């Protein structure tokens, strides 16, 4: 796919919709400003140049160019010599940060990267795992494997012990069960807080750890 350097019309050029011979221009729905200030629209006296093509710029302009602060007019001249654009990528920096590149290609790559990041970002869900105060070893291990899988997928896990009727007298047993559950998962997730009792339910929420072991594909 070929890209043509972005070139705004020179000052004094007849704007879109203008009548030949003068007069007020007709309004156009397609008029818009570039997403970034470029070329002569960058009016600050100095800017900071960054980029991966500094060796190429040095070869074209005949002097060694490195990352650093330059007069804006000098970099505008370099961009023109290369048939590229001077693009302001961080306007709020002191001084603003720029790079020399093809503006159309720069926008294409930026939007492509944003699309990839959006596609790779997954929605975090809260998965619930229920225990009873008399949960046995087999049931505990089964639910532990599920919790590891949920955390490995980037989800949060809410584990709780449900006390029914007079079983509330075993709340200490439920707390020990949740503490053991947290201990078994310490390589996969960390508790947002210690287990707490709300009514007849004691619960704890675990969030996945960064760099935790990922679930392997079958």
C-alpha atoms as a PDB file:
ATOM      1  CA  UNK A   1       0.000   0.000   0.000  1.00  0.00           C
ATOM      2  CA  UNK A   2       1.565   3.290  -1.091  1.00  0.00           C
ATOM      3  CA  UNK A   3       1.321   6.377   1.097  1.00  0.00           C
ATOM      4  CA  UNK A   4       1.552   9.974  -0.079  1.00  0.00           C
ATOM      5  CA  UNK A   5       2.979  12.572   2.313  1.00  0.00           C
ATOM      6  CA  UNK A   6       0.323  14.763   3.911  1.00  0.00           C
ATOM      7  CA  UNK A   7       0.547  18.244   2.433  1.00  0.00           C
ATOM      8  CA  UNK A   8      -1.829  20.991   3.630  1.00  0.00           C
ATOM      9  CA  UNK A   9      -2.695  23.601   1.034  1.00  0.00           C
ATOM     10  CA  UNK A  10      -0.399  26.651   1.082  1.00  0.00           C
ATOM     11  CA  UNK A  11      -1.575  29.877   2.673  1.00  0.00           C
ATOM     12  CA  UNK A  12      -3.711  31.892   0.303  1.00  0.00           C
ATOM     13  CA  UNK A  13      -5.060  28.852  -1.529  1.00  0.00           C
ATOM     14  CA  UNK A  14      -8.790  28.974  -2.297  1.00  0.00           C
ATOM     15  CA  UNK A  15     -10.582  26.971   0.451  1.00  0.00           C
ATOM     16  CA  UNK A  16     -13.003  24.174  -0.456  1.00  0.00           C
ATOM     17  CA  UNK A  17     -16.325  25.594  -1.608  1.00  0.00           C
ATOM     18  CA  UNK A  18     -14.978  29.063  -2.429  1.00  0.00           C
ATOM     19  CA  UNK A  19     -16.423  30.778  -5.471  1.00  0.00           C
ATOM     20  CA  UNK A  20     -14.037  31.563  -8.308  1.00  0.00           C
ATOM     21  CA  UNK A  21     -13.084  35.208  -8.177  1.00  0.00           C
ATOM     22  CA  UNK A  22     -13.615  35.614  -4.441  1.00  0.00           C
ATOM     23  CA  UNK A  23     -16.643  35.792  -2.202  1.00  0.00           C
ATOM     24  CA  UNK A  24     -17.459  33.839   0.941  1.00  0.00           C
ATOM     25  CA  UNK A  25     -16.916  30.081   0.619  1.00  0.00           C
ATOM     26  CA  UNK A  26     -19.760  27.648   0.712  1.00  0.00           C
ATOM     27  CA  UNK A  27     -19.709  25.560   3.932  1.00  0.00           C
ATOM     28  CA  UNK A  28     -18.345  22.049   3.464  1.00  0.00           C
ATOM     29  CA  UNK A  29     -19.210  19.049   5.630  1.00  0.00           C
ATOM     30  CA  UNK A  30     -15.832  17.484   4.810  1.00  0.00           C
ATOM     31  CA  UNK A  31     -13.584  20.209   6.222  1.00  0.00           C
ATOM     32  CA  UNK A  32     -11.642  19.019   9.276  1.00  0.00           C
ATOM     33  CA  UNK A  33      -8.400  19.635  11.106  1.00  0.00           C
ATOM     34  CA  UNK A  34      -5.597  17.041  11.254  1.00  0.00           C
ATOM     35  CA  UNK A  35      -5.450  14.972  14.462  1.00  0.00           C
ATOM     36  CA  UNK A  36      -1.986  16.391  15.169  1.00  0.00           C
ATOM     37  CA  UNK A  37      -0.270  19.688  14.431  1.00  0.00           C
ATOM     38  CA  UNK A  38       2.087  19.149  11.517  1.00  0.00           C
ATOM     39  CA  UNK A  39       4.578  21.093   9.416  1.00  0.00           C
ATOM     40  CA  UNK A  40       3.929  24.869   9.409  1.00  0.00           C
ATOM     41  CA  UNK A  41       1.099  24.454  11.919  1.00  0.00           C
ATOM     42  CA  UNK A  42       3.728  23.750  14.590  1.00  0.00           C
ATOM     43  CA  UNK A  43       4.517  27.304  15.679  1.00  0.00           C
ATOM     44  CA  UNK A  44       6.562  26.880  18.855  1.00  0.00           C
ATOM     45  CA  UNK A  45      10.209  27.964  18.453  1.00  0.00           C
ATOM     46  CA  UNK A  46      11.756  24.681  19.651  1.00  0.00           C
ATOM     47  CA  UNK A  47      10.759  21.012  19.708  1.00  0.00           C
ATOM     48  CA  UNK A  48      12.279  17.707  20.817  1.00  0.00           C
ATOM     49  CA  UNK A  49      12.934  15.241  17.978  1.00  0.00           C
ATOM     50  CA  UNK A  50      12.548  11.482  18.521  1.00  0.00           C
ATOM     51  CA  UNK A  51      12.220   8.525  16.195  1.00  0.00           C
ATOM     52  CA  UNK A  52      13.859   5.430  14.751  1.00  0.00           C
ATOM     53  CA  UNK A  53      14.768   6.986  11.395  1.00  0.00           C
ATOM     54  CA  UNK A  54      17.413   9.443  12.624  1.00  0.00           C
ATOM     55  CA  UNK A  55      20.179   7.687  10.647  1.00  0.00           C
ATOM     56  CA  UNK A  56      18.131   8.095   7.473  1.00  0.00           C
ATOM     57  CA  UNK A  57      17.512  11.770   8.248  1.00  0.00           C
ATOM     58  CA  UNK A  58      21.241  12.297   8.899  1.00  0.00           C
ATOM     59  CA  UNK A  59      22.106  10.776   5.525  1.00  0.00           C
ATOM     60  CA  UNK A  60      19.653  12.987   3.642  1.00  0.00           C
ATOM     61  CA  UNK A  61      20.487  16.303   5.347  1.00  0.00           C
ATOM     62  CA  UNK A  62      24.242  15.684   5.483  1.00  0.00           C
ATOM     63  CA  UNK A  63      24.775  16.022   9.240  1.00  0.00           C
ATOM     64  CA  UNK A  64      24.500  13.775  12.271  1.00  0.00           C
ATOM     65  CA  UNK A  65      21.037  14.030  13.826  1.00  0.00           C
ATOM     66  CA  UNK A  66      20.314  12.573  17.263  1.00  0.00           C
ATOM     67  CA  UNK A  67      17.392  12.686  19.679  1.00  0.00           C
ATOM     68  CA  UNK A  68      17.276  16.156  21.179  1.00  0.00           C
ATOM     69  CA  UNK A  69      15.992  19.718  20.978  1.00  0.00           C
ATOM     70  CA  UNK A  70      16.087  21.580  17.659  1.00  0.00           C
ATOM     71  CA  UNK A  71      14.695  24.824  16.252  1.00  0.00           C
ATOM     72  CA  UNK A  72      11.303  24.000  14.768  1.00  0.00           C
ATOM     73  CA  UNK A  73      12.123  25.755  11.491  1.00  0.00           C
ATOM     74  CA  UNK A  74      15.193  23.552  11.030  1.00  0.00           C
ATOM     75  CA  UNK A  75      13.234  20.325  11.414  1.00  0.00           C
ATOM     76  CA  UNK A  76      10.490  21.613   9.127  1.00  0.00           C
ATOM     77  CA  UNK A  77      13.174  22.125   6.492  1.00  0.00           C
ATOM     78  CA  UNK A  78      14.533  18.595   7.038  1.00  0.00           C
ATOM     79  CA  UNK A  79      11.047  17.106   6.650  1.00  0.00           C
ATOM     80  CA  UNK A  80      10.502  19.035   3.423  1.00  0.00           C
ATOM     81  CA  UNK A  81      13.829  17.845   2.008  1.00  0.00           C
ATOM     82  CA  UNK A  82      12.830  14.245   2.716  1.00  0.00           C
ATOM     83  CA  UNK A  83       9.312  14.595   1.326  1.00  0.00           C
ATOM     84  CA  UNK A  84       7.931  13.775   4.792  1.00  0.00           C
ATOM     85  CA  UNK A  85       6.075  15.614   7.558  1.00  0.00           C
ATOM     86  CA  UNK A  86       7.051  17.047  10.911  1.00  0.00           C
ATOM     87  CA  UNK A  87       4.452  15.593  13.303  1.00  0.00           C
ATOM     88  CA  UNK A  88       3.794  16.826  16.855  1.00  0.00           C
ATOM     89  CA  UNK A  89       3.110  13.653  18.850  1.00  0.00           C
ATOM     90  CA  UNK A  90       3.206  15.025  22.432  1.00  0.00           C
ATOM     91  CA  UNK A  91       1.990  18.628  22.449  1.00  0.00           C
ATOM     92  CA  UNK A  92       1.953  19.059  26.256  1.00  0.00           C
ATOM     93  CA  UNK A  93       5.630  18.232  26.768  1.00  0.00           C
ATOM     94  CA  UNK A  94       8.217  20.977  27.341  1.00  0.00           C
ATOM     95  CA  UNK A  95       9.192  21.406  24.585  1.00  0.00           C
ATOM     96  CA  UNK A  96       6.655  19.468  22.452  1.00  0.00           C
ATOM     97  CA  UNK A  97       7.868  16.115  21.098  1.00  0.00           C
ATOM     98  CA  UNK A  98       7.913  15.579  17.337  1.00  0.00           C
ATOM     99  CA  UNK A  99       9.017  13.055  14.765  1.00  0.00           C
ATOM    100  CA  UNK A 100       9.661  13.165  11.051  1.00  0.00           C
ATOM    101  CA  UNK A 101       7.527  10.672   9.135  1.00  0.00           C
ATOM    102  CA  UNK A 102       4.856  10.262   6.499  1.00  0.00           C
ATOM    103  CA  UNK A 103       1.734  11.589   8.212  1.00  0.00           C
ATOM    104  CA  UNK A 104      -0.699   9.305   6.395  1.00  0.00           C
ATOM    105  CA  UNK A 105       1.403   6.251   7.245  1.00  0.00           C
ATOM    106  CA  UNK A 106       1.790   7.486  10.836  1.00  0.00           C
ATOM    107  CA  UNK A 107      -2.011   7.681  11.228  1.00  0.00           C
ATOM    108  CA  UNK A 108      -2.490   4.264   9.628  1.00  0.00           C
ATOM    109  CA  UNK A 109      -0.009   2.592  11.980  1.00  0.00           C
ATOM    110  CA  UNK A 110      -1.450   4.390  15.015  1.00  0.00           C
ATOM    111  CA  UNK A 111      -5.013   3.275  14.249  1.00  0.00           C
ATOM    112  CA  UNK A 112      -3.820  -0.264  13.499  1.00  0.00           C
ATOM    113  CA  UNK A 113      -2.056  -0.435  16.871  1.00  0.00           C
ATOM    114  CA  UNK A 114      -5.120   0.927  18.694  1.00  0.00           C
ATOM    115  CA  UNK A 115      -7.297  -1.685  16.974  1.00  0.00           C
ATOM    116  CA  UNK A 116      -4.910  -4.489  17.987  1.00  0.00           C
ATOM    117  CA  UNK A 117      -4.807  -3.283  21.586  1.00  0.00           C
ATOM    118  CA  UNK A 118      -8.597  -3.158  21.723  1.00  0.00           C
ATOM    119  CA  UNK A 119      -8.847  -6.673  20.285  1.00  0.00           C
ATOM    120  CA  UNK A 120      -6.326  -8.033  22.789  1.00  0.00           C
ATOM    121  CA  UNK A 121      -7.942  -6.418  25.814  1.00  0.00           C
ATOM    122  CA  UNK A 122     -10.322  -8.828  27.507  1.00  0.00           C
ATOM    123  CA  UNK A 123     -13.180  -7.946  29.811  1.00  0.00           C
ATOM    124  CA  UNK A 124     -12.464  -8.926  33.425  1.00  0.00           C
ATOM    125  CA  UNK A 125     -15.246 -11.015  34.945  1.00  0.00           C
ATOM    126  CA  UNK A 126     -15.957 -11.912  38.562  1.00  0.00           C
ATOM    127  CA  UNK A 127     -16.234 -15.681  38.960  1.00  0.00           C
ATOM    128  CA  UNK A 128     -17.890 -17.062  42.085  1.00  0.00           C
ATOM    129  CA  UNK A 129     -16.904 -20.255  43.918  1.00  0.00           C
ATOM    130  CA  UNK A 130     -19.125 -21.489  46.717  1.00  0.00           C
ATOM    131  CA  UNK A 131     -18.049 -23.559  49.706  1.00  0.00           C
ATOM    132  CA  UNK A 132     -19.877 -25.012  52.675  1.00  0.00           C
ATOM    133  CA  UNK A 133     -18.343 -25.156  56.161  1.00  0.00           C
ATOM    134  CA  UNK A 134     -18.042 -28.946  55.777  1.00  0.00           C
ATOM    135  CA  UNK A 135     -16.404 -28.931  52.293  1.00  0.00           C
ATOM    136  CA  UNK A 136     -14.367 -32.104  51.780  1.00  0.00           C
ATOM    137  CA  UNK A 137     -10.871 -32.466  50.302  1.00  0.00           C
ATOM    138  CA  UNK A 138     -12.025 -33.704  46.899  1.00  0.00           C
ATOM    139  CA  UNK A 139     -14.512 -30.848  46.490  1.00  0.00           C
ATOM    140  CA  UNK A 140     -11.913 -28.335  47.718  1.00  0.00           C
ATOM    141  CA  UNK A 141      -9.304 -29.507  45.175  1.00  0.00           C
ATOM    142  CA  UNK A 142     -11.886 -29.473  42.374  1.00  0.00           C
ATOM    143  CA  UNK A 143     -12.843 -25.855  43.111  1.00  0.00           C
ATOM    144  CA  UNK A 144      -9.205 -24.880  43.565  1.00  0.00           C
ATOM    145  CA  UNK A 145      -8.452 -26.021  39.993  1.00  0.00           C
ATOM    146  CA  UNK A 146     -11.347 -23.928  38.715  1.00  0.00           C
ATOM    147  CA  UNK A 147     -10.047 -20.888  40.593  1.00  0.00           C
ATOM    148  CA  UNK A 148      -6.571 -21.287  39.077  1.00  0.00           C
ATOM    149  CA  UNK A 149      -8.145 -21.483  35.634  1.00  0.00           C
ATOM    150  CA  UNK A 150     -10.248 -18.350  36.204  1.00  0.00           C
ATOM    151  CA  UNK A 151      -7.279 -16.351  37.506  1.00  0.00           C
ATOM    152  CA  UNK A 152      -5.100 -17.590  34.630  1.00  0.00           C
ATOM    153  CA  UNK A 153      -7.658 -16.164  32.205  1.00  0.00           C
ATOM    154  CA  UNK A 154      -7.389 -12.750  33.886  1.00  0.00           C
ATOM    155  CA  UNK A 155     -10.654 -12.928  35.826  1.00  0.00           C
ATOM    156  CA  UNK A 156     -11.303 -12.161  39.476  1.00  0.00           C
ATOM    157  CA  UNK A 157     -12.509 -14.899  41.822  1.00  0.00           C
ATOM    158  CA  UNK A 158     -14.965 -14.432  44.671  1.00  0.00           C
ATOM    159  CA  UNK A 159     -14.877 -17.396  47.040  1.00  0.00           C
ATOM    160  CA  UNK A 160     -17.430 -17.609  49.800  1.00  0.00           C
ATOM    161  CA  UNK A 161     -18.632 -19.944  52.513  1.00  0.00           C
ATOM    162  CA  UNK A 162     -22.393 -20.071  52.941  1.00  0.00           C
ATOM    163  CA  UNK A 163     -23.645 -20.792  56.467  1.00  0.00           C
ATOM    164  CA  UNK A 164     -27.162 -22.142  56.749  1.00  0.00           C
ATOM    165  CA  UNK A 165     -29.213 -22.117  59.934  1.00  0.00           C
ATOM    166  CA  UNK A 166     -27.174 -22.966  63.005  1.00  0.00           C
ATOM    167  CA  UNK A 167     -24.056 -23.618  60.885  1.00  0.00           C
ATOM    168  CA  UNK A 168     -23.072 -20.001  61.601  1.00  0.00           C
ATOM    169  CA  UNK A 169     -21.447 -21.325  64.792  1.00  0.00           C
ATOM    170  CA  UNK A 170     -18.774 -22.796  62.499  1.00  0.00           C
ATOM    171  CA  UNK A 171     -17.689 -19.409  61.132  1.00  0.00           C
ATOM    172  CA  UNK A 172     -14.120 -20.000  62.382  1.00  0.00           C
ATOM    173  CA  UNK A 173     -14.011 -23.168  60.288  1.00  0.00           C
ATOM    174  CA  UNK A 174     -15.169 -21.189  57.242  1.00  0.00           C
ATOM    175  CA  UNK A 175     -12.487 -18.553  57.794  1.00  0.00           C
ATOM    176  CA  UNK A 176      -9.760 -21.216  57.994  1.00  0.00           C
ATOM    177  CA  UNK A 177     -11.046 -22.749  54.768  1.00  0.00           C
ATOM    178  CA  UNK A 178     -10.843 -19.409  52.922  1.00  0.00           C
ATOM    179  CA  UNK A 179      -7.387 -18.670  54.340  1.00  0.00           C
ATOM    180  CA  UNK A 180      -6.198 -22.059  53.084  1.00  0.00           C
ATOM    181  CA  UNK A 181      -7.798 -21.303  49.707  1.00  0.00           C
ATOM    182  CA  UNK A 182      -5.871 -17.994  49.531  1.00  0.00           C
ATOM    183  CA  UNK A 183      -2.632 -19.761  50.493  1.00  0.00           C
ATOM    184  CA  UNK A 184      -3.030 -22.367  47.744  1.00  0.00           C
ATOM    185  CA  UNK A 185      -3.576 -19.593  45.170  1.00  0.00           C
ATOM    186  CA  UNK A 186      -0.816 -17.206  46.279  1.00  0.00           C
ATOM    187  CA  UNK A 187       1.160 -17.836  43.050  1.00  0.00           C
ATOM    188  CA  UNK A 188      -1.897 -17.088  40.933  1.00  0.00           C
ATOM    189  CA  UNK A 189      -3.780 -14.311  42.705  1.00  0.00           C
ATOM    190  CA  UNK A 190      -3.811 -11.992  45.680  1.00  0.00           C
ATOM    191  CA  UNK A 191      -6.736 -11.200  47.974  1.00  0.00           C
ATOM    192  CA  UNK A 192      -8.119  -7.673  47.820  1.00  0.00           C
ATOM    193  CA  UNK A 193      -8.728  -7.953  51.576  1.00  0.00           C
ATOM    194  CA  UNK A 194      -9.000 -10.570  54.308  1.00  0.00           C
ATOM    195  CA  UNK A 195     -12.120 -12.777  54.482  1.00  0.00           C
ATOM    196  CA  UNK A 196     -15.065 -10.989  56.053  1.00  0.00           C
ATOM    197  CA  UNK A 197     -18.472 -12.048  57.265  1.00  0.00           C
ATOM    198  CA  UNK A 198     -21.595 -10.426  55.868  1.00  0.00           C
ATOM    199  CA  UNK A 199     -24.788 -11.887  57.260  1.00  0.00           C
ATOM    200  CA  UNK A 200     -24.490 -15.655  56.850  1.00  0.00           C
ATOM    201  CA  UNK A 201     -21.839 -15.513  54.150  1.00  0.00           C
ATOM    202  CA  UNK A 202     -18.069 -15.143  54.560  1.00  0.00           C
ATOM    203  CA  UNK A 203     -16.243 -14.156  51.386  1.00  0.00           C
ATOM    204  CA  UNK A 204     -12.951 -13.076  49.892  1.00  0.00           C
ATOM    205  CA  UNK A 205     -12.121 -11.665  46.429  1.00  0.00           C
ATOM    206  CA  UNK A 206      -8.861 -12.540  44.664  1.00  0.00           C
ATOM    207  CA  UNK A 207      -7.394 -10.646  41.725  1.00  0.00           C
ATOM    208  CA  UNK A 208      -4.992 -12.239  39.214  1.00  0.00           C
ATOM    209  CA  UNK A 209      -1.321 -11.506  39.735  1.00  0.00           C
ATOM    210  CA  UNK A 210       0.731  -9.963  36.952  1.00  0.00           C
ATOM    211  CA  UNK A 211       3.060 -12.597  35.580  1.00  0.00           C
ATOM    212  CA  UNK A 212       1.028 -15.378  37.142  1.00  0.00           C
ATOM    213  CA  UNK A 213       1.147 -18.785  35.422  1.00  0.00           C
ATOM    214  CA  UNK A 214      -1.135 -18.757  32.396  1.00  0.00           C
ATOM    215  CA  UNK A 215      -3.654 -21.445  31.600  1.00  0.00           C
ATOM    216  CA  UNK A 216      -2.186 -23.765  28.973  1.00  0.00           C
ATOM    217  CA  UNK A 217      -4.189 -24.629  25.876  1.00  0.00           C
ATOM    218  CA  UNK A 218      -5.283 -28.211  25.591  1.00  0.00           C
END
